[in-house]
Amino acid sequence: MSSTHIYRLRTISEYHQFRGLPKPEHPLISVIDLEKIQLQAREPQSLTQDFYAIALKRAVNAKMKYGQQSYDFDEGIMSFLSPGQIYAIGGDTPLLHSGWLLLIHPDFLWNTPLAKSIKQYEYFDYAVHEALFLSEKEEATIIGIMRHIEQEYRANLDKFSQGIIITQIELLLNYAERFYNRQFITRKIANHKILERLEAVLAAYFNSDDLLKKGLPTVPYIAETLNVSPNYLSGLLKSLTGQSTKQHIQDKLIDKAKEKLSTTDLSVSEIAYELGFDRPQSFSKLFKTKTSLSPLEFRQSFN
């Protein structure tokens, strides 16, 4: 098989067939007991699917790869995949795991508010090593919601069924967001190390010629340097500091601007260019937004 081949699963029925499961009871939504899934003898090197997948896994002896990151599922964790993401699963022994998998085809969400709002849950774009670790109580909450969804579509479907299931999906997504916020706070050592590295990366960038040569550092650049996904980094920073990555970059920029305004005779335009701005007006506008003073007013305050 070509190393670049990507195996695509277009429907939930195709997924069931691919994993040797019975046909789904509903074509657009399915809750699967992970103990019933076995890896293929020749597992595709890369897979993608046209539907959402929310997994709660425990005691897994396989590795999952998403992008360039591999992760051992040695603990119970929750992970999220949106349509079109590429991933791979593999291991040296037959797959052994437990937990639950919720598959949601976008067509199930059609003409509901969740069709748009599901894209606002940033953890669908987190990398594998940024998965959500659940406490036993949190795990029980998520499993309860998944089982409720399963019971609803297995019952006699009526005009209320879709709305009830949509409500349960929204509840699950909101709980996941709450649990991620808890994880940002409780995993203090790892997360504060990221903050320390962020400060070091920004300081090195702003003290080099990179500003003049490359302009302001972008959020994707900072995230890649820190080996985290952009959305995860911003979520972490908002939880711990109340500010996004972009705001941190801008604050570091303003600190550098204040230094130049108070210790050099460079003009505002010269400072703006040194800080990576194409237009001095853009620099002045940002500076005033952040400090309530124009660059010249700030400089004059030192005289």
Foldseek 3Di string as FASTA:
>chain_A
DDLPDEAEAEWVQSVCVQQVHPGALDGFKHKDWVQSGKADPDHDNKYFYQWKKKWFKECWQKWKAFDHDIDGRHGTWIAIAGGPGMMGIGHDDIIGIGTMMMIGHLVLCPPHPCNPCVVVLCRNVWGPVLIFHDDPVLRVVLVVLSVVLVVLSVPPDDPCSSVVNVVSVVVNSVSSLVRSLVVLVPVVVVLVVLVVVLVVVLVVCLPDQCCLVPNQDDLCNSCVVSVIHSSSQQSSCCSPPVGGPVVVSLVSLLVSLLCCLAPHPDDLQVSCNSRNHPDSVVVQVSNCVVPVDGSVRSSVVND
